[in-house]
Structure formats: C-alpha cells, structure tokens
C-alpha atoms as a PDB file:
ATOM      1  CA  MET A   1     -47.625   2.118   3.352  1.00  0.00           C
ATOM      2  CA  THR A   2     -45.990   3.495   0.232  1.00  0.00           C
ATOM      3  CA  ILE A   3     -42.245   3.748   0.242  1.00  0.00           C
ATOM      4  CA  ASN A   4     -41.216   6.459  -2.177  1.00  0.00           C
ATOM      5  CA  LEU A   5     -37.583   5.358  -2.136  1.00  0.00           C
ATOM      6  CA  ARG A   6     -35.643   5.505  -5.346  1.00  0.00           C
ATOM      7  CA  VAL A   7     -33.827   2.248  -5.899  1.00  0.00           C
ATOM      8  CA  TYR A   8     -30.210   2.839  -6.719  1.00  0.00           C
ATOM      9  CA  LEU A   9     -29.218   0.258  -9.327  1.00  0.00           C
ATOM     10  CA  VAL A  10     -26.185   2.015 -10.769  1.00  0.00           C
ATOM     11  CA  PHE A  11     -24.624   5.243  -9.639  1.00  0.00           C
ATOM     12  CA  LEU A  12     -25.796   8.238 -11.601  1.00  0.00           C
ATOM     13  CA  SER A  13     -22.193   9.215 -12.039  1.00  0.00           C
ATOM     14  CA  LEU A  14     -21.588   6.075 -14.099  1.00  0.00           C
ATOM     15  CA  VAL A  15     -23.805   7.310 -16.908  1.00  0.00           C
ATOM     16  CA  ALA A  16     -20.917   9.181 -18.485  1.00  0.00           C
ATOM     17  CA  PHE A  17     -18.849   6.011 -18.564  1.00  0.00           C
ATOM     18  CA  VAL A  18     -21.638   3.885 -20.024  1.00  0.00           C
ATOM     19  CA  THR A  19     -22.683   6.283 -22.773  1.00  0.00           C
ATOM     20  CA  SER A  20     -19.793   5.436 -25.086  1.00  0.00           C
ATOM     21  CA  ASN A  21     -20.499   1.720 -24.670  1.00  0.00           C
ATOM     22  CA  LEU A  22     -24.195   2.164 -25.377  1.00  0.00           C
ATOM     23  CA  ALA A  23     -23.315   3.845 -28.634  1.00  0.00           C
ATOM     24  CA  GLN A  24     -21.831   0.539 -29.760  1.00  0.00           C
ATOM     25  CA  ASN A  25     -24.367  -1.754 -28.091  1.00  0.00           C
ATOM     26  CA  ASN A  26     -28.125  -1.430 -27.887  1.00  0.00           C
ATOM     27  CA  THR A  27     -28.084  -2.434 -24.237  1.00  0.00           C
ATOM     28  CA  ALA A  28     -25.561  -2.662 -21.421  1.00  0.00           C
ATOM     29  CA  ARG A  29     -26.092  -4.837 -18.349  1.00  0.00           C
ATOM     30  CA  ILE A  30     -24.059  -3.837 -15.311  1.00  0.00           C
ATOM     31  CA  ASP A  31     -23.428  -5.674 -12.057  1.00  0.00           C
ATOM     32  CA  ALA A  32     -23.482  -2.798  -9.562  1.00  0.00           C
ATOM     33  CA  HIS A  33     -21.652  -4.538  -6.723  1.00  0.00           C
ATOM     34  CA  ILE A  34     -18.802  -7.028  -7.087  1.00  0.00           C
ATOM     35  CA  HIS A  35     -15.554  -7.629  -5.198  1.00  0.00           C
ATOM     36  CA  LEU A  36     -12.172  -8.329  -6.756  1.00  0.00           C
ATOM     37  CA  TYR A  37      -9.315  -9.902  -4.815  1.00  0.00           C
ATOM     38  CA  ASP A  38      -6.334 -12.144  -5.428  1.00  0.00           C
ATOM     39  CA  THR A  39      -5.635 -14.935  -2.952  1.00  0.00           C
ATOM     40  CA  ASN A  40      -2.056 -14.997  -4.259  1.00  0.00           C
ATOM     41  CA  ARG A  41      -1.505 -11.567  -2.681  1.00  0.00           C
ATOM     42  CA  ASP A  42      -0.625 -12.044   0.972  1.00  0.00           C
ATOM     43  CA  SER A  43      -3.240 -10.681   3.429  1.00  0.00           C
ATOM     44  CA  SER A  44      -5.252  -8.902   0.735  1.00  0.00           C
ATOM     45  CA  TYR A  45      -8.188 -11.227   1.311  1.00  0.00           C
ATOM     46  CA  ALA A  46      -8.160 -11.151   5.125  1.00  0.00           C
ATOM     47  CA  PHE A  47     -11.809 -10.056   5.079  1.00  0.00           C
ATOM     48  CA  LEU A  48     -12.657 -13.676   4.219  1.00  0.00           C
ATOM     49  CA  ASN A  49     -11.449 -14.881   7.615  1.00  0.00           C
ATOM     50  CA  LYS A  50     -15.003 -15.257   8.860  1.00  0.00           C
ATOM     51  CA  GLN A  51     -15.714 -17.679   6.047  1.00  0.00           C
ATOM     52  CA  ASN A  52     -15.059 -21.404   6.327  1.00  0.00           C
ATOM     53  CA  LYS A  53     -12.551 -22.470   3.702  1.00  0.00           C
ATOM     54  CA  ASP A  54     -13.746 -26.077   3.818  1.00  0.00           C
ATOM     55  CA  THR A  55     -17.408 -25.268   3.223  1.00  0.00           C
ATOM     56  CA  ASN A  56     -16.780 -22.335   0.857  1.00  0.00           C
ATOM     57  CA  PRO A  57     -13.688 -23.349  -1.162  1.00  0.00           C
ATOM     58  CA  GLU A  58     -14.806 -21.251  -4.137  1.00  0.00           C
ATOM     59  CA  LEU A  59     -14.249 -18.080  -2.137  1.00  0.00           C
ATOM     60  CA  PHE A  60     -10.592 -18.886  -1.541  1.00  0.00           C
ATOM     61  CA  ARG A  61      -9.346 -18.534  -5.079  1.00  0.00           C
ATOM     62  CA  PRO A  62      -8.491 -15.419  -7.130  1.00  0.00           C
ATOM     63  CA  HIS A  63     -11.570 -13.384  -7.993  1.00  0.00           C
ATOM     64  CA  LEU A  64     -10.395 -11.099 -10.766  1.00  0.00           C
ATOM     65  CA  GLN A  65     -11.991  -9.431 -13.771  1.00  0.00           C
ATOM     66  CA  GLU A  66     -11.585 -12.508 -15.937  1.00  0.00           C
ATOM     67  CA  ALA A  67     -13.424 -14.682 -13.408  1.00  0.00           C
ATOM     68  CA  PHE A  68     -16.305 -12.210 -13.318  1.00  0.00           C
ATOM     69  CA  LEU A  69     -16.603 -12.163 -17.104  1.00  0.00           C
ATOM     70  CA  ASN A  70     -16.446 -15.956 -17.347  1.00  0.00           C
ATOM     71  CA  VAL A  71     -19.485 -16.234 -15.096  1.00  0.00           C
ATOM     72  CA  ALA A  72     -21.442 -13.099 -15.963  1.00  0.00           C
ATOM     73  CA  THR A  73     -21.087 -12.862 -19.744  1.00  0.00           C
ATOM     74  CA  ALA A  74     -23.440 -15.799 -20.302  1.00  0.00           C
ATOM     75  CA  SER A  75     -26.174 -13.745 -18.600  1.00  0.00           C
ATOM     76  CA  GLY A  76     -25.397 -10.671 -20.656  1.00  0.00           C
ATOM     77  CA  PHE A  77     -23.414  -8.809 -17.990  1.00  0.00           C
ATOM     78  CA  ASN A  78     -20.242  -7.335 -19.457  1.00  0.00           C
ATOM     79  CA  TYR A  79     -19.689  -4.461 -17.049  1.00  0.00           C
ATOM     80  CA  ALA A  80     -19.283  -4.065 -13.317  1.00  0.00           C
ATOM     81  CA  TYR A  81     -18.920  -1.579 -10.496  1.00  0.00           C
ATOM     82  CA  VAL A  82     -16.389  -2.798  -7.912  1.00  0.00           C
ATOM     83  CA  VAL A  83     -16.545  -2.235  -4.153  1.00  0.00           C
ATOM     84  CA  GLU A  84     -13.316  -2.811  -2.204  1.00  0.00           C
ATOM     85  CA  ALA A  85     -13.775  -5.082   0.815  1.00  0.00           C
ATOM     86  CA  SER A  86     -10.200  -5.206   2.093  1.00  0.00           C
ATOM     87  CA  THR A  87      -9.340  -2.958   5.028  1.00  0.00           C
ATOM     88  CA  ARG A  88      -5.760  -2.455   3.820  1.00  0.00           C
ATOM     89  CA  ARG A  89      -5.046   0.987   2.354  1.00  0.00           C
ATOM     90  CA  GLU A  90      -2.809  -0.396  -0.380  1.00  0.00           C
ATOM     91  CA  ASP A  91      -5.535  -2.632  -1.758  1.00  0.00           C
ATOM     92  CA  ASN A  92      -7.579   0.411  -2.731  1.00  0.00           C
ATOM     93  CA  PHE A  93      -4.754   1.549  -4.985  1.00  0.00           C
ATOM     94  CA  TRP A  94      -4.340  -1.982  -6.334  1.00  0.00           C
ATOM     95  CA  LEU A  95      -8.005  -1.872  -7.359  1.00  0.00           C
ATOM     96  CA  SER A  96      -7.560   1.586  -8.861  1.00  0.00           C
ATOM     97  CA  LYS A  97      -4.835   0.308 -11.200  1.00  0.00           C
ATOM     98  CA  ILE A  98      -7.016  -2.570 -12.359  1.00  0.00           C
ATOM     99  CA  ALA A  99     -10.004  -0.312 -12.982  1.00  0.00           C
ATOM    100  CA  ASP A 100      -7.905   2.248 -14.815  1.00  0.00           C
ATOM    101  CA  THR A 101      -6.974  -0.173 -17.603  1.00  0.00           C
ATOM    102  CA  SER A 102     -10.247  -2.129 -17.721  1.00  0.00           C
ATOM    103  CA  LYS A 103     -12.955  -1.687 -20.325  1.00  0.00           C
ATOM    104  CA  HIS A 104     -15.373  -3.667 -18.188  1.00  0.00           C
ATOM    105  CA  ILE A 105     -15.017  -1.924 -14.813  1.00  0.00           C
ATOM    106  CA  LEU A 106     -16.997   1.307 -15.020  1.00  0.00           C
ATOM    107  CA  GLY A 107     -16.273   2.598 -11.534  1.00  0.00           C
ATOM    108  CA  PHE A 108     -15.177   1.640  -8.042  1.00  0.00           C
ATOM    109  CA  THR A 109     -15.685   2.414  -4.371  1.00  0.00           C
ATOM    110  CA  VAL A 110     -12.847   2.137  -1.845  1.00  0.00           C
ATOM    111  CA  ASN A 111     -12.690   1.157   1.811  1.00  0.00           C
ATOM    112  CA  LEU A 112     -10.975   3.903   3.806  1.00  0.00           C
ATOM    113  CA  ASN A 113     -11.148   4.990   7.425  1.00  0.00           C
ATOM    114  CA  PRO A 114     -12.288   8.631   7.802  1.00  0.00           C
ATOM    115  CA  LEU A 115     -10.299   8.842  11.049  1.00  0.00           C
ATOM    116  CA  ASP A 116      -7.043   7.789   9.395  1.00  0.00           C
ATOM    117  CA  ALA A 117      -4.436  10.541   9.141  1.00  0.00           C
ATOM    118  CA  ASN A 118      -4.034   9.755   5.424  1.00  0.00           C
ATOM    119  CA  PHE A 119      -7.738   9.873   4.611  1.00  0.00           C
ATOM    120  CA  GLU A 120      -7.844  13.114   2.627  1.00  0.00           C
ATOM    121  CA  LYS A 121      -4.456  12.455   1.051  1.00  0.00           C
ATOM    122  CA  ASP A 122      -5.682   9.065  -0.174  1.00  0.00           C
ATOM    123  CA  LEU A 123      -8.902  10.556  -1.530  1.00  0.00           C
ATOM    124  CA  ASP A 124      -6.965  13.102  -3.561  1.00  0.00           C
ATOM    125  CA  ALA A 125      -4.575  10.463  -4.880  1.00  0.00           C
ATOM    126  CA  LEU A 126      -7.430   8.171  -5.902  1.00  0.00           C
ATOM    127  CA  LYS A 127      -9.328  11.071  -7.498  1.00  0.00           C
ATOM    128  CA  LYS A 128      -6.698  11.077 -10.238  1.00  0.00           C
ATOM    129  CA  ASN A 129      -8.550   8.038 -11.541  1.00  0.00           C
ATOM    130  CA  SER A 130     -11.839   9.234 -13.066  1.00  0.00           C
ATOM    131  CA  LYS A 131     -13.468   5.887 -12.257  1.00  0.00           C
ATOM    132  CA  PHE A 132     -13.107   6.451  -8.524  1.00  0.00           C
ATOM    133  CA  ARG A 133     -16.583   7.385  -7.331  1.00  0.00           C
ATOM    134  CA  GLY A 134     -16.997   6.700  -3.629  1.00  0.00           C
ATOM    135  CA  VAL A 135     -16.047   5.410  -0.186  1.00  0.00           C
ATOM    136  CA  ARG A 136     -17.547   2.625   1.899  1.00  0.00           C
ATOM    137  CA  PRO A 137     -15.937   2.916   5.363  1.00  0.00           C
ATOM    138  CA  ARG A 138     -16.070  -0.732   6.429  1.00  0.00           C
ATOM    139  CA  ILE A 139     -13.494  -0.742   9.209  1.00  0.00           C
ATOM    140  CA  LYS A 140     -13.773  -2.821  12.386  1.00  0.00           C
ATOM    141  CA  GLY A 141     -14.661  -0.622  15.334  1.00  0.00           C
ATOM    142  CA  LEU A 142     -15.595   2.396  13.210  1.00  0.00           C
ATOM    143  CA  ASN A 143     -18.855   3.919  14.414  1.00  0.00           C
ATOM    144  CA  LEU A 144     -20.578   6.151  11.876  1.00  0.00           C
ATOM    145  CA  SER A 145     -22.734   7.653  14.608  1.00  0.00           C
ATOM    146  CA  GLU A 146     -19.764   9.273  16.364  1.00  0.00           C
ATOM    147  CA  PRO A 147     -19.684  13.075  15.858  1.00  0.00           C
ATOM    148  CA  GLU A 148     -15.988  13.038  14.934  1.00  0.00           C
ATOM    149  CA  VAL A 149     -16.549  10.421  12.222  1.00  0.00           C
ATOM    150  CA  ILE A 150     -19.517  12.345  10.829  1.00  0.00           C
ATOM    151  CA  ARG A 151     -17.429  15.507  10.798  1.00  0.00           C
ATOM    152  CA  LYS A 152     -14.683  13.760   8.809  1.00  0.00           C
ATOM    153  CA  LEU A 153     -17.184  12.740   6.144  1.00  0.00           C
ATOM    154  CA  ILE A 154     -17.078  16.309   4.888  1.00  0.00           C
ATOM    155  CA  ALA A 155     -13.988  15.251   2.925  1.00  0.00           C
ATOM    156  CA  ILE A 156     -16.204  12.963   0.852  1.00  0.00           C
ATOM    157  CA  ASP A 157     -18.842  15.636   0.393  1.00  0.00           C
ATOM    158  CA  LYS A 158     -16.339  18.310  -0.667  1.00  0.00           C
ATOM    159  CA  ARG A 159     -14.930  16.016  -3.365  1.00  0.00           C
ATOM    160  CA  ASN A 160     -18.350  15.185  -4.799  1.00  0.00           C
ATOM    161  CA  LEU A 161     -17.943  11.519  -3.935  1.00  0.00           C
ATOM    162  CA  VAL A 162     -20.511   8.941  -2.872  1.00  0.00           C
ATOM    163  CA  LEU A 163     -20.744   7.536   0.648  1.00  0.00           C
ATOM    164  CA  GLU A 164     -21.739   3.872   0.768  1.00  0.00           C
ATOM    165  CA  VAL A 165     -23.002   2.216   3.940  1.00  0.00           C
ATOM    166  CA  ASN A 166     -24.202  -1.275   4.769  1.00  0.00           C
ATOM    167  CA  SER A 167     -27.158  -0.564   7.050  1.00  0.00           C
ATOM    168  CA  LEU A 168     -29.975   1.903   7.563  1.00  0.00           C
ATOM    169  CA  LYS A 169     -28.578   2.971  10.921  1.00  0.00           C
ATOM    170  CA  ASP A 170     -27.211   6.533  11.021  1.00  0.00           C
ATOM    171  CA  VAL A 171     -28.277   7.246   7.424  1.00  0.00           C
ATOM    172  CA  ASN A 172     -30.913   9.736   8.541  1.00  0.00           C
ATOM    173  CA  THR A 173     -28.368  11.648  10.644  1.00  0.00           C
ATOM    174  CA  ILE A 174     -25.686  11.714   7.955  1.00  0.00           C
ATOM    175  CA  ALA A 175     -28.120  12.647   5.180  1.00  0.00           C
ATOM    176  CA  THR A 176     -29.384  15.556   7.257  1.00  0.00           C
ATOM    177  CA  GLU A 177     -25.836  16.766   7.921  1.00  0.00           C
ATOM    178  CA  TYR A 178     -24.812  16.413   4.264  1.00  0.00           C
ATOM    179  CA  PRO A 179     -27.918  16.988   2.090  1.00  0.00           C
ATOM    180  CA  ASN A 180     -25.860  17.313  -1.104  1.00  0.00           C
ATOM    181  CA  MET A 181     -23.798  14.162  -0.656  1.00  0.00           C
ATOM    182  CA  TYR A 182     -25.098  11.044  -2.358  1.00  0.00           C
ATOM    183  CA  ILE A 183     -25.511   8.175   0.105  1.00  0.00           C
ATOM    184  CA  VAL A 184     -25.940   4.640  -1.164  1.00  0.00           C
ATOM    185  CA  VAL A 185     -27.233   1.951   1.186  1.00  0.00           C
ATOM    186  CA  ASN A 186     -25.887  -1.467   0.215  1.00  0.00           C
ATOM    187  CA  HIS A 187     -27.650  -4.835   0.422  1.00  0.00           C
ATOM    188  CA  PHE A 188     -31.176  -3.492   1.001  1.00  0.00           C
ATOM    189  CA  GLY A 189     -29.943  -1.850   4.186  1.00  0.00           C
ATOM    190  CA  GLY A 190     -29.580  -5.186   5.941  1.00  0.00           C
ATOM    191  CA  GLY A 191     -33.138  -6.347   5.319  1.00  0.00           C
ATOM    192  CA  LYS A 192     -33.420 -10.123   5.683  1.00  0.00           C
ATOM    193  CA  LEU A 193     -35.872 -12.708   4.461  1.00  0.00           C
ATOM    194  CA  LYS A 194     -36.820 -15.855   6.348  1.00  0.00           C
ATOM    195  CA  GLU A 195     -38.984 -18.352   4.523  1.00  0.00           C
ATOM    196  CA  GLY A 196     -40.063 -15.582   2.175  1.00  0.00           C
ATOM    197  CA  VAL A 197     -41.072 -13.235   4.988  1.00  0.00           C
ATOM    198  CA  LEU A 198     -39.306  -9.980   5.830  1.00  0.00           C
ATOM    199  CA  VAL A 199     -37.732 -10.116   9.292  1.00  0.00           C
ATOM    200  CA  ASN A 200     -38.762  -7.251  11.594  1.00  0.00           C
ATOM    201  CA  GLU A 201     -40.892  -5.898   8.790  1.00  0.00           C
ATOM    202  CA  GLU A 202     -42.449  -3.023  10.744  1.00  0.00           C
ATOM    203  CA  ASN A 203     -39.117  -1.620  11.979  1.00  0.00           C
ATOM    204  CA  TYR A 204     -37.516  -2.121   8.573  1.00  0.00           C
ATOM    205  CA  LYS A 205     -40.291  -0.250   6.766  1.00  0.00           C
ATOM    206  CA  GLN A 206     -40.186   2.555   9.319  1.00  0.00           C
ATOM    207  CA  SER A 207     -36.434   2.983   8.743  1.00  0.00           C
ATOM    208  CA  LEU A 208     -37.011   3.029   4.983  1.00  0.00           C
ATOM    209  CA  GLN A 209     -39.678   5.671   5.422  1.00  0.00           C
ATOM    210  CA  GLU A 210     -37.268   7.866   7.366  1.00  0.00           C
ATOM    211  CA  ILE A 211     -34.459   7.759   4.841  1.00  0.00           C
ATOM    212  CA  ALA A 212     -36.899   8.047   1.915  1.00  0.00           C
ATOM    213  CA  ALA A 213     -37.446  11.643   2.968  1.00  0.00           C
ATOM    214  CA  HIS A 214     -33.904  12.455   1.841  1.00  0.00           C
ATOM    215  CA  PRO A 215     -33.532  12.978  -1.949  1.00  0.00           C
ATOM    216  CA  ASN A 216     -29.789  12.238  -1.704  1.00  0.00           C
ATOM    217  CA  VAL A 217     -30.271   8.686  -0.361  1.00  0.00           C
ATOM    218  CA  TYR A 218     -30.495   5.589  -2.532  1.00  0.00           C
ATOM    219  CA  ILE A 219     -30.626   1.839  -1.968  1.00  0.00           C
ATOM    220  CA  LYS A 220     -28.642  -0.628  -4.035  1.00  0.00           C
ATOM    221  CA  ILE A 221     -30.016  -4.056  -4.873  1.00  0.00           C
ATOM    222  CA  SER A 222     -27.168  -6.397  -3.975  1.00  0.00           C
ATOM    223  CA  ALA A 223     -26.612  -9.686  -2.111  1.00  0.00           C
ATOM    224  CA  LEU A 224     -30.270 -10.633  -2.520  1.00  0.00           C
ATOM    225  CA  HIS A 225     -29.474 -14.352  -2.515  1.00  0.00           C
ATOM    226  CA  THR A 226     -27.391 -14.038   0.661  1.00  0.00           C
ATOM    227  CA  LEU A 227     -30.049 -12.019   2.450  1.00  0.00           C
ATOM    228  CA  SER A 228     -32.686 -14.593   1.543  1.00  0.00           C
ATOM    229  CA  GLY A 229     -30.951 -17.089   3.835  1.00  0.00           C
ATOM    230  CA  LYS A 230     -30.984 -19.791   1.180  1.00  0.00           C
ATOM    231  CA  LYS A 231     -27.844 -21.877   0.771  1.00  0.00           C
ATOM    232  CA  ASN A 232     -28.414 -23.061  -2.781  1.00  0.00           C
ATOM    233  CA  CYS A 233     -29.617 -21.352  -5.930  1.00  0.00           C
ATOM    234  CA  THR A 234     -32.703 -22.864  -7.573  1.00  0.00           C
END
C-alpha cells in the first residue's frame, strides 16, 4: 500500500525566516521540534511530573537555547523550531520573548486551550511576534473530537496559524472541517516500534491513508528514538 503522505520536516512558513540565513550559509540544518524550559522557574516544568527524577536527572535541569546549541552544533544543527509543553498560559509568552531575540529559534508553537476565555486574546497578542506560527492544544481533559472544541479551532484557521496534534485521532474530522488550515501531526502520529516492528501496523497504515487524502495535513518526524522503545542510543 502506497502512502502518499507528505512528510512535514519544517513548516513551510519557516522558509521566509531561513532564507536570510541560507544566503550566508550553503546549508542550514534545523531541529523541527524541541522544548525549552527553565527548572529555576517555579512550576514552569510541571509537565515533567510523569518523569522519574532519579532515573532521568538530565531532564530536571534548565533546557535553554544555549543547552540546545551545545549539544546540536556538533551535528551541524544551528537552528530550531520550539514547541511549548507547559500548560501555563504565561509560559507561552515567556517562550515568545526568548524566540523574539534569538537568531537560532526560527519559529514556535504554543500550548493554549481553545476553550479558555482568553484564547483569541492570547492568539492576537502572540501574533505580534512574527515567529509565532501555531498552536498545539495539549491540555489535560481537552477532547479534540468535541464539537465545541472543533468550533473554537476556527480562531486558528482565521489567523492563518498551524494546528499541531499528537495523534492521528480526529485529524480526518478537523481537516475536513478546516481544509485551508495546516495541520501538523507530531511524533509520527503516535506510531510505535517494538523490536523493529510497527505496532498495530494495519490500523496505523489505515489511519495514515485516511489523513493522506487531505492536502493540508502533514506529519513531523520527531521523537523517533522515544517511539522506538529503546532506552539507550547506539
């Protein structure tokens, strides 16, 4: 079965940002999905609560632009697109300030709740930063299949922003409702590998086939190592 799904490596809207850098460098390598957070800021890294601090001590330290560059530069990656993981509204604006003054952050996606009374107000405030490109609603209890939530997504569509999601579920419905809104599926849409074999391969491929019919839907290659189920890099 052929999957005619365009793989979304970097948002098309980032091209304008990269062009000036390419004029100075023959090539530009971009990490299309990183998270920035500062463990010195109280509660801003609450999304790490599910992680074990004893077994993953590296996660519980500041992860800022400098840390990214220290690790990535050796592999030729000097640029990044940042996705906010925190569920706190204020952390989206914290990220916006960092991106605004950075030469290495080419764009960012925020984490906002479409049902929040401040949703459209926050979108308009963030739109003042030209690097703000999208929203990934990653809020506990938020169900993207609910009609009211889908209706609220029109605010993203009207502002020519990207909707990012973490699974293939509901993508077909949303893409049909908003055919002109770019939808980016993170982390292979939740596909998982076990001993080199795709888990639930038939269902996974069927879901890919469904969303492949929508020209406004893309998949981002991210978290491949995590999805592989391997604990150590080799």
